[in-house]
């Protein structure tokens, strides 16, 4: 594996949606940046760490202040898994960061993060190093493990077994392929994964802090919100796309889970 193909370094966040298959890691040195993701507004400022592990293309309306200074390191999931094979904590971190991709760091954590970013950039630049690939893996591993520690310090740490990790990963993979458009019953996903609905929800809560039903509704609501902003689609088109029995059922679902009427999202 050629590490240079798996790591991209930039000094702007504007390319966050342009690197499919890469996880975005950013550290802000000065200024601030605002953006929207998953229907929420975020402010990324000096001393913060930003990690976007899933769907960078969902970042919208990104604005950078004139004094915004940032390091951005994109790493493929494949390279990260190769660099950190012994830890399953990444799944919990990814799901939590899906909700809020920004971590507020202490001064000590800021210094650790800054040094890790410098180490990755330095190793990437050492093209004449006889063991450059191994050095890059080591630098990325240190960066990721410290991210895990930052997250655990903020949200608490629970050990996740390989079996639990794999089950949750498979559950999220089914959601990401879009099965929620026609199937929003937890029993459907439990059957696919050969477990009981109760067990799936218990594992989801242990790994992500939230029950399985939450993730089904979350993925559904975000996708409906995106579709409603597409004025080429009628409400009937969207209702049928998601398998609702009627427009009134669709409208009730939107109001319950998004807090507004479908027409208000389209305005």
C-alpha atoms as a PDB file:
ATOM      1  CA  UNK A   1       0.000   0.000   0.000  1.00  0.00           C
ATOM      2  CA  UNK A   2       1.356   3.409  -0.991  1.00  0.00           C
ATOM      3  CA  UNK A   3       0.738   5.776   1.925  1.00  0.00           C
ATOM      4  CA  UNK A   4       0.937   8.855  -0.274  1.00  0.00           C
ATOM      5  CA  UNK A   5      -2.228   7.725  -2.081  1.00  0.00           C
ATOM      6  CA  UNK A   6      -4.034   7.305   1.211  1.00  0.00           C
ATOM      7  CA  UNK A   7      -3.169  10.633   2.844  1.00  0.00           C
ATOM      8  CA  UNK A   8      -4.009  14.128   1.571  1.00  0.00           C
ATOM      9  CA  UNK A   9      -2.956  17.311   3.376  1.00  0.00           C
ATOM     10  CA  UNK A  10      -4.659  20.661   2.758  1.00  0.00           C
ATOM     11  CA  UNK A  11      -4.821  24.053   4.465  1.00  0.00           C
ATOM     12  CA  UNK A  12      -8.479  24.806   3.666  1.00  0.00           C
ATOM     13  CA  UNK A  13     -11.732  23.075   4.584  1.00  0.00           C
ATOM     14  CA  UNK A  14     -13.447  23.905   1.322  1.00  0.00           C
ATOM     15  CA  UNK A  15     -12.476  20.524  -0.140  1.00  0.00           C
ATOM     16  CA  UNK A  16     -14.206  18.517   2.593  1.00  0.00           C
ATOM     17  CA  UNK A  17     -16.830  17.105   0.246  1.00  0.00           C
ATOM     18  CA  UNK A  18     -14.423  16.334  -2.594  1.00  0.00           C
ATOM     19  CA  UNK A  19     -12.556  13.342  -1.169  1.00  0.00           C
ATOM     20  CA  UNK A  20     -14.886  10.347  -1.231  1.00  0.00           C
ATOM     21  CA  UNK A  21     -13.581   7.445   0.813  1.00  0.00           C
ATOM     22  CA  UNK A  22     -11.378   9.644   3.009  1.00  0.00           C
ATOM     23  CA  UNK A  23     -11.953  10.621   6.645  1.00  0.00           C
ATOM     24  CA  UNK A  24     -11.410  14.306   7.352  1.00  0.00           C
ATOM     25  CA  UNK A  25      -9.357  15.393  10.374  1.00  0.00           C
ATOM     26  CA  UNK A  26      -8.818  19.106  10.967  1.00  0.00           C
ATOM     27  CA  UNK A  27      -7.247  21.312  13.627  1.00  0.00           C
ATOM     28  CA  UNK A  28      -7.990  25.041  13.789  1.00  0.00           C
ATOM     29  CA  UNK A  29      -5.101  27.351  14.750  1.00  0.00           C
ATOM     30  CA  UNK A  30      -6.860  30.705  14.412  1.00  0.00           C
ATOM     31  CA  UNK A  31     -10.086  32.334  13.296  1.00  0.00           C
ATOM     32  CA  UNK A  32     -13.259  30.330  12.810  1.00  0.00           C
ATOM     33  CA  UNK A  33     -15.359  28.483  10.291  1.00  0.00           C
ATOM     34  CA  UNK A  34     -19.112  27.875  10.235  1.00  0.00           C
ATOM     35  CA  UNK A  35     -21.018  25.226   8.313  1.00  0.00           C
ATOM     36  CA  UNK A  36     -24.187  23.158   8.275  1.00  0.00           C
ATOM     37  CA  UNK A  37     -24.326  19.372   8.465  1.00  0.00           C
ATOM     38  CA  UNK A  38     -27.241  17.022   9.073  1.00  0.00           C
ATOM     39  CA  UNK A  39     -29.541  20.010   9.421  1.00  0.00           C
ATOM     40  CA  UNK A  40     -27.460  21.540  12.237  1.00  0.00           C
ATOM     41  CA  UNK A  41     -25.208  24.594  12.340  1.00  0.00           C
ATOM     42  CA  UNK A  42     -21.662  24.291  13.707  1.00  0.00           C
ATOM     43  CA  UNK A  43     -18.866  26.688  14.604  1.00  0.00           C
ATOM     44  CA  UNK A  44     -15.293  25.401  14.305  1.00  0.00           C
ATOM     45  CA  UNK A  45     -12.778  27.718  15.992  1.00  0.00           C
ATOM     46  CA  UNK A  46      -9.232  28.011  17.307  1.00  0.00           C
ATOM     47  CA  UNK A  47      -8.230  25.061  19.488  1.00  0.00           C
ATOM     48  CA  UNK A  48     -10.975  22.798  18.163  1.00  0.00           C
ATOM     49  CA  UNK A  49     -10.547  19.440  16.455  1.00  0.00           C
ATOM     50  CA  UNK A  50     -12.934  18.474  13.652  1.00  0.00           C
ATOM     51  CA  UNK A  51     -13.468  14.917  12.443  1.00  0.00           C
ATOM     52  CA  UNK A  52     -15.886  14.061   9.650  1.00  0.00           C
ATOM     53  CA  UNK A  53     -15.909  10.295   9.356  1.00  0.00           C
ATOM     54  CA  UNK A  54     -19.005   9.797   7.247  1.00  0.00           C
ATOM     55  CA  UNK A  55     -20.384  11.697   4.275  1.00  0.00           C
ATOM     56  CA  UNK A  56     -18.271  14.817   3.940  1.00  0.00           C
ATOM     57  CA  UNK A  57     -20.549  15.771   1.049  1.00  0.00           C
ATOM     58  CA  UNK A  58     -23.247  16.621   3.617  1.00  0.00           C
ATOM     59  CA  UNK A  59     -21.299  19.718   4.711  1.00  0.00           C
ATOM     60  CA  UNK A  60     -23.116  22.777   3.361  1.00  0.00           C
ATOM     61  CA  UNK A  61     -22.847  26.573   3.481  1.00  0.00           C
ATOM     62  CA  UNK A  62     -19.253  26.535   4.664  1.00  0.00           C
ATOM     63  CA  UNK A  63     -17.833  29.941   5.560  1.00  0.00           C
ATOM     64  CA  UNK A  64     -14.270  30.717   6.686  1.00  0.00           C
ATOM     65  CA  UNK A  65     -13.238  33.927   8.473  1.00  0.00           C
ATOM     66  CA  UNK A  66     -10.458  35.996   6.900  1.00  0.00           C
ATOM     67  CA  UNK A  67      -8.004  34.897   9.626  1.00  0.00           C
ATOM     68  CA  UNK A  68      -9.033  31.224   9.533  1.00  0.00           C
ATOM     69  CA  UNK A  69      -5.965  28.969   9.784  1.00  0.00           C
ATOM     70  CA  UNK A  70      -6.365  25.211   9.651  1.00  0.00           C
ATOM     71  CA  UNK A  71      -4.546  21.970   8.926  1.00  0.00           C
ATOM     72  CA  UNK A  72      -6.645  19.284   7.258  1.00  0.00           C
ATOM     73  CA  UNK A  73      -5.519  15.678   6.911  1.00  0.00           C
ATOM     74  CA  UNK A  74      -7.605  13.261   4.858  1.00  0.00           C
ATOM     75  CA  UNK A  75      -6.906   9.555   5.430  1.00  0.00           C
ATOM     76  CA  UNK A  76      -8.627   6.596   3.796  1.00  0.00           C
ATOM     77  CA  UNK A  77     -10.556   4.218   6.032  1.00  0.00           C
ATOM     78  CA  UNK A  78      -8.345   1.421   4.719  1.00  0.00           C
ATOM     79  CA  UNK A  79      -5.153   3.125   5.897  1.00  0.00           C
ATOM     80  CA  UNK A  80      -6.660   3.953   9.300  1.00  0.00           C
ATOM     81  CA  UNK A  81      -7.747   0.350   9.836  1.00  0.00           C
ATOM     82  CA  UNK A  82      -4.269  -0.826   8.875  1.00  0.00           C
ATOM     83  CA  UNK A  83      -2.679   1.645  11.278  1.00  0.00           C
ATOM     84  CA  UNK A  84      -4.971   0.943  14.263  1.00  0.00           C
ATOM     85  CA  UNK A  85      -5.943  -2.755  14.021  1.00  0.00           C
ATOM     86  CA  UNK A  86      -6.235  -3.376  17.768  1.00  0.00           C
ATOM     87  CA  UNK A  87      -8.937  -0.863  18.695  1.00  0.00           C
ATOM     88  CA  UNK A  88     -12.690  -1.017  18.074  1.00  0.00           C
ATOM     89  CA  UNK A  89     -13.355   2.352  19.708  1.00  0.00           C
ATOM     90  CA  UNK A  90     -13.518   4.047  16.314  1.00  0.00           C
ATOM     91  CA  UNK A  91     -17.115   2.950  15.698  1.00  0.00           C
ATOM     92  CA  UNK A  92     -18.353   4.708  18.832  1.00  0.00           C
ATOM     93  CA  UNK A  93     -16.361   7.795  17.931  1.00  0.00           C
ATOM     94  CA  UNK A  94     -17.663   7.858  14.360  1.00  0.00           C
ATOM     95  CA  UNK A  95     -21.297   7.615  15.453  1.00  0.00           C
ATOM     96  CA  UNK A  96     -20.889  10.293  18.094  1.00  0.00           C
ATOM     97  CA  UNK A  97     -19.065  12.562  15.652  1.00  0.00           C
ATOM     98  CA  UNK A  98     -21.866  12.024  13.135  1.00  0.00           C
ATOM     99  CA  UNK A  99     -23.967  13.982  15.622  1.00  0.00           C
ATOM    100  CA  UNK A 100     -21.343  16.618  16.402  1.00  0.00           C
ATOM    101  CA  UNK A 101     -18.064  16.502  14.448  1.00  0.00           C
ATOM    102  CA  UNK A 102     -16.298  19.077  16.658  1.00  0.00           C
ATOM    103  CA  UNK A 103     -14.330  18.309  19.815  1.00  0.00           C
ATOM    104  CA  UNK A 104     -13.441  21.157  22.186  1.00  0.00           C
ATOM    105  CA  UNK A 105      -9.900  20.416  23.363  1.00  0.00           C
ATOM    106  CA  UNK A 106      -8.071  21.393  26.529  1.00  0.00           C
ATOM    107  CA  UNK A 107      -4.763  23.257  26.187  1.00  0.00           C
ATOM    108  CA  UNK A 108      -2.855  20.022  26.728  1.00  0.00           C
ATOM    109  CA  UNK A 109      -4.937  18.217  24.103  1.00  0.00           C
ATOM    110  CA  UNK A 110      -4.454  21.080  21.666  1.00  0.00           C
ATOM    111  CA  UNK A 111      -0.677  20.690  21.940  1.00  0.00           C
ATOM    112  CA  UNK A 112      -0.933  16.915  21.432  1.00  0.00           C
ATOM    113  CA  UNK A 113      -3.159  17.420  18.380  1.00  0.00           C
ATOM    114  CA  UNK A 114      -0.842  20.039  16.881  1.00  0.00           C
ATOM    115  CA  UNK A 115       2.199  17.795  17.316  1.00  0.00           C
ATOM    116  CA  UNK A 116       0.396  14.833  15.770  1.00  0.00           C
ATOM    117  CA  UNK A 117      -0.570  16.847  12.694  1.00  0.00           C
ATOM    118  CA  UNK A 118       3.008  18.070  12.321  1.00  0.00           C
ATOM    119  CA  UNK A 119       4.293  14.491  12.619  1.00  0.00           C
ATOM    120  CA  UNK A 120       2.019  13.216   9.836  1.00  0.00           C
ATOM    121  CA  UNK A 121       2.993  16.097   7.548  1.00  0.00           C
ATOM    122  CA  UNK A 122       6.685  15.620   8.320  1.00  0.00           C
ATOM    123  CA  UNK A 123       6.585  11.883   7.578  1.00  0.00           C
ATOM    124  CA  UNK A 124       4.641  12.498   4.376  1.00  0.00           C
ATOM    125  CA  UNK A 125       7.358  14.912   3.212  1.00  0.00           C
ATOM    126  CA  UNK A 126      10.210  12.463   3.925  1.00  0.00           C
ATOM    127  CA  UNK A 127      10.250  10.880   0.468  1.00  0.00           C
ATOM    128  CA  UNK A 128      13.821   9.581   0.917  1.00  0.00           C
ATOM    129  CA  UNK A 129      13.081   7.778   4.198  1.00  0.00           C
ATOM    130  CA  UNK A 130      13.823   4.055   3.733  1.00  0.00           C
ATOM    131  CA  UNK A 131      10.903   3.137   6.007  1.00  0.00           C
ATOM    132  CA  UNK A 132       8.550   5.957   5.073  1.00  0.00           C
ATOM    133  CA  UNK A 133       5.479   3.724   4.852  1.00  0.00           C
ATOM    134  CA  UNK A 134       6.005   2.348   8.349  1.00  0.00           C
ATOM    135  CA  UNK A 135       6.763   5.840   9.689  1.00  0.00           C
ATOM    136  CA  UNK A 136       3.519   7.151   8.179  1.00  0.00           C
ATOM    137  CA  UNK A 137       1.541   4.298   9.721  1.00  0.00           C
ATOM    138  CA  UNK A 138       3.058   5.074  13.097  1.00  0.00           C
ATOM    139  CA  UNK A 139       2.283   8.798  12.826  1.00  0.00           C
ATOM    140  CA  UNK A 140      -1.331   8.128  11.765  1.00  0.00           C
ATOM    141  CA  UNK A 141      -1.762   5.573  14.556  1.00  0.00           C
ATOM    142  CA  UNK A 142      -0.606   8.102  17.176  1.00  0.00           C
ATOM    143  CA  UNK A 143      -2.980  10.708  15.758  1.00  0.00           C
ATOM    144  CA  UNK A 144      -5.994   8.367  15.735  1.00  0.00           C
ATOM    145  CA  UNK A 145      -5.321   6.874  19.175  1.00  0.00           C
ATOM    146  CA  UNK A 146      -5.079  10.393  20.628  1.00  0.00           C
ATOM    147  CA  UNK A 147      -8.375  11.268  18.935  1.00  0.00           C
ATOM    148  CA  UNK A 148      -9.889   8.234  20.661  1.00  0.00           C
ATOM    149  CA  UNK A 149      -8.513   9.497  23.968  1.00  0.00           C
ATOM    150  CA  UNK A 150      -9.877  13.032  23.406  1.00  0.00           C
ATOM    151  CA  UNK A 151     -13.300  11.563  22.678  1.00  0.00           C
ATOM    152  CA  UNK A 152     -13.219   9.154  25.635  1.00  0.00           C
ATOM    153  CA  UNK A 153     -12.199  11.987  27.961  1.00  0.00           C
ATOM    154  CA  UNK A 154     -15.175  14.011  26.745  1.00  0.00           C
ATOM    155  CA  UNK A 155     -17.817  11.275  26.600  1.00  0.00           C
ATOM    156  CA  UNK A 156     -16.562   8.398  28.742  1.00  0.00           C
ATOM    157  CA  UNK A 157     -15.028   5.089  27.734  1.00  0.00           C
ATOM    158  CA  UNK A 158     -16.671   1.680  27.380  1.00  0.00           C
ATOM    159  CA  UNK A 159     -14.742  -1.247  25.966  1.00  0.00           C
ATOM    160  CA  UNK A 160     -16.319  -2.516  22.746  1.00  0.00           C
ATOM    161  CA  UNK A 161     -15.824  -6.129  21.695  1.00  0.00           C
ATOM    162  CA  UNK A 162     -15.058  -7.113  18.116  1.00  0.00           C
ATOM    163  CA  UNK A 163     -18.450  -8.819  17.846  1.00  0.00           C
ATOM    164  CA  UNK A 164     -20.291  -5.698  19.004  1.00  0.00           C
ATOM    165  CA  UNK A 165     -18.240  -3.518  16.679  1.00  0.00           C
ATOM    166  CA  UNK A 166     -18.987  -5.739  13.674  1.00  0.00           C
ATOM    167  CA  UNK A 167     -22.713  -5.893  14.426  1.00  0.00           C
ATOM    168  CA  UNK A 168     -22.995  -2.113  14.683  1.00  0.00           C
ATOM    169  CA  UNK A 169     -20.903  -1.629  11.558  1.00  0.00           C
ATOM    170  CA  UNK A 170     -23.179  -3.979   9.611  1.00  0.00           C
ATOM    171  CA  UNK A 171     -26.276  -2.191  10.942  1.00  0.00           C
ATOM    172  CA  UNK A 172     -24.969   1.210   9.844  1.00  0.00           C
ATOM    173  CA  UNK A 173     -23.926  -0.209   6.454  1.00  0.00           C
ATOM    174  CA  UNK A 174     -27.524  -1.372   5.860  1.00  0.00           C
ATOM    175  CA  UNK A 175     -28.799   2.091   6.767  1.00  0.00           C
ATOM    176  CA  UNK A 176     -26.236   3.807   4.541  1.00  0.00           C
ATOM    177  CA  UNK A 177     -27.298   1.778   1.515  1.00  0.00           C
ATOM    178  CA  UNK A 178     -30.785   3.275   1.967  1.00  0.00           C
ATOM    179  CA  UNK A 179     -32.913   0.412   3.302  1.00  0.00           C
ATOM    180  CA  UNK A 180     -34.613   2.885   5.660  1.00  0.00           C
ATOM    181  CA  UNK A 181     -36.526   4.299   2.706  1.00  0.00           C
ATOM    182  CA  UNK A 182     -38.785   1.249   2.725  1.00  0.00           C
ATOM    183  CA  UNK A 183     -38.011  -0.370   6.099  1.00  0.00           C
ATOM    184  CA  UNK A 184     -38.179   1.551   9.380  1.00  0.00           C
ATOM    185  CA  UNK A 185     -39.056  -1.346  11.678  1.00  0.00           C
ATOM    186  CA  UNK A 186     -36.158  -2.451  13.890  1.00  0.00           C
ATOM    187  CA  UNK A 187     -37.271  -6.054  13.323  1.00  0.00           C
ATOM    188  CA  UNK A 188     -36.254  -5.803   9.659  1.00  0.00           C
ATOM    189  CA  UNK A 189     -32.662  -4.924  10.577  1.00  0.00           C
ATOM    190  CA  UNK A 190     -32.517  -7.492  13.363  1.00  0.00           C
ATOM    191  CA  UNK A 191     -33.593 -10.205  10.900  1.00  0.00           C
ATOM    192  CA  UNK A 192     -30.931  -9.101   8.427  1.00  0.00           C
ATOM    193  CA  UNK A 193     -28.312  -9.336  11.176  1.00  0.00           C
ATOM    194  CA  UNK A 194     -29.665 -12.615  12.649  1.00  0.00           C
ATOM    195  CA  UNK A 195     -30.246 -11.147  16.119  1.00  0.00           C
ATOM    196  CA  UNK A 196     -33.305 -10.108  18.124  1.00  0.00           C
ATOM    197  CA  UNK A 197     -34.555  -6.503  18.007  1.00  0.00           C
ATOM    198  CA  UNK A 198     -33.860  -6.189  21.746  1.00  0.00           C
ATOM    199  CA  UNK A 199     -30.251  -7.324  21.339  1.00  0.00           C
ATOM    200  CA  UNK A 200     -29.645  -4.994  18.383  1.00  0.00           C
ATOM    201  CA  UNK A 201     -30.952  -2.030  20.354  1.00  0.00           C
ATOM    202  CA  UNK A 202     -28.860  -2.978  23.403  1.00  0.00           C
ATOM    203  CA  UNK A 203     -25.677  -3.184  21.328  1.00  0.00           C
ATOM    204  CA  UNK A 204     -26.494   0.087  19.562  1.00  0.00           C
ATOM    205  CA  UNK A 205     -26.921   1.798  22.929  1.00  0.00           C
ATOM    206  CA  UNK A 206     -23.666   0.335  24.262  1.00  0.00           C
ATOM    207  CA  UNK A 207     -21.652   1.294  21.169  1.00  0.00           C
ATOM    208  CA  UNK A 208     -23.224   4.648  20.266  1.00  0.00           C
ATOM    209  CA  UNK A 209     -25.065   5.673  23.406  1.00  0.00           C
ATOM    210  CA  UNK A 210     -28.344   5.620  21.468  1.00  0.00           C
ATOM    211  CA  UNK A 211     -30.854   2.837  20.628  1.00  0.00           C
ATOM    212  CA  UNK A 212     -31.137   1.332  17.149  1.00  0.00           C
ATOM    213  CA  UNK A 213     -34.504   3.026  16.540  1.00  0.00           C
ATOM    214  CA  UNK A 214     -32.799   6.401  16.897  1.00  0.00           C
ATOM    215  CA  UNK A 215     -30.412   5.686  14.017  1.00  0.00           C
ATOM    216  CA  UNK A 216     -33.202   4.425  11.771  1.00  0.00           C
ATOM    217  CA  UNK A 217     -35.190   7.610  12.386  1.00  0.00           C
ATOM    218  CA  UNK A 218     -32.100   9.804  12.099  1.00  0.00           C
ATOM    219  CA  UNK A 219     -31.080   8.474   8.690  1.00  0.00           C
ATOM    220  CA  UNK A 220     -34.694   8.643   7.465  1.00  0.00           C
ATOM    221  CA  UNK A 221     -35.255  12.209   8.660  1.00  0.00           C
ATOM    222  CA  UNK A 222     -32.006  13.512   7.172  1.00  0.00           C
ATOM    223  CA  UNK A 223     -32.750  11.954   3.802  1.00  0.00           C
ATOM    224  CA  UNK A 224     -36.334  13.254   3.766  1.00  0.00           C
ATOM    225  CA  UNK A 225     -35.020  16.717   4.608  1.00  0.00           C
ATOM    226  CA  UNK A 226     -32.605  16.560   1.652  1.00  0.00           C
ATOM    227  CA  UNK A 227     -35.320  15.344  -0.719  1.00  0.00           C
ATOM    228  CA  UNK A 228     -37.717  18.094   0.365  1.00  0.00           C
ATOM    229  CA  UNK A 229     -35.148  20.684  -0.650  1.00  0.00           C
ATOM    230  CA  UNK A 230     -35.208  19.273  -4.184  1.00  0.00           C
ATOM    231  CA  UNK A 231     -38.006  21.287  -5.798  1.00  0.00           C
ATOM    232  CA  UNK A 232     -38.150  18.907  -8.765  1.00  0.00           C
ATOM    233  CA  UNK A 233     -39.780  16.311  -6.494  1.00  0.00           C
ATOM    234  CA  UNK A 234     -43.406  16.648  -5.394  1.00  0.00           C
ATOM    235  CA  UNK A 235     -44.546  15.695  -1.909  1.00  0.00           C
ATOM    236  CA  UNK A 236     -46.249  12.663  -3.470  1.00  0.00           C
ATOM    237  CA  UNK A 237     -42.978  11.624  -5.137  1.00  0.00           C
ATOM    238  CA  UNK A 238     -41.131  11.782  -1.817  1.00  0.00           C
ATOM    239  CA  UNK A 239     -43.919  10.066   0.104  1.00  0.00           C
ATOM    240  CA  UNK A 240     -43.848   7.164  -2.353  1.00  0.00           C
ATOM    241  CA  UNK A 241     -40.044   7.088  -2.351  1.00  0.00           C
ATOM    242  CA  UNK A 242     -40.140   6.387   1.398  1.00  0.00           C
ATOM    243  CA  UNK A 243     -43.039   3.935   1.235  1.00  0.00           C
ATOM    244  CA  UNK A 244     -45.589   5.958   3.198  1.00  0.00           C
ATOM    245  CA  UNK A 245     -49.179   4.776   2.823  1.00  0.00           C
ATOM    246  CA  UNK A 246     -50.523   8.300   2.302  1.00  0.00           C
ATOM    247  CA  UNK A 247     -49.527  11.948   2.141  1.00  0.00           C
ATOM    248  CA  UNK A 248     -51.088  12.538   5.556  1.00  0.00           C
ATOM    249  CA  UNK A 249     -48.950   9.756   7.060  1.00  0.00           C
ATOM    250  CA  UNK A 250     -45.870  11.278   5.429  1.00  0.00           C
ATOM    251  CA  UNK A 251     -46.754  14.752   6.735  1.00  0.00           C
ATOM    252  CA  UNK A 252     -47.258  13.438  10.282  1.00  0.00           C
ATOM    253  CA  UNK A 253     -43.884  11.666  10.168  1.00  0.00           C
ATOM    254  CA  UNK A 254     -42.113  14.850   9.051  1.00  0.00           C
ATOM    255  CA  UNK A 255     -43.801  16.981  11.720  1.00  0.00           C
ATOM    256  CA  UNK A 256     -43.050  14.428  14.459  1.00  0.00           C
ATOM    257  CA  UNK A 257     -39.382  13.893  13.579  1.00  0.00           C
ATOM    258  CA  UNK A 258     -38.347  17.176  11.972  1.00  0.00           C
ATOM    259  CA  UNK A 259     -40.619  19.493  13.935  1.00  0.00           C
ATOM    260  CA  UNK A 260     -42.062  21.288  10.898  1.00  0.00           C
ATOM    261  CA  UNK A 261     -44.495  20.680   8.079  1.00  0.00           C
ATOM    262  CA  UNK A 262     -43.056  19.453   4.733  1.00  0.00           C
ATOM    263  CA  UNK A 263     -44.032  22.772   3.143  1.00  0.00           C
ATOM    264  CA  UNK A 264     -41.970  24.704   5.713  1.00  0.00           C
ATOM    265  CA  UNK A 265     -38.806  22.752   4.846  1.00  0.00           C
ATOM    266  CA  UNK A 266     -39.314  23.579   1.196  1.00  0.00           C
ATOM    267  CA  UNK A 267     -39.546  27.342   1.761  1.00  0.00           C
END
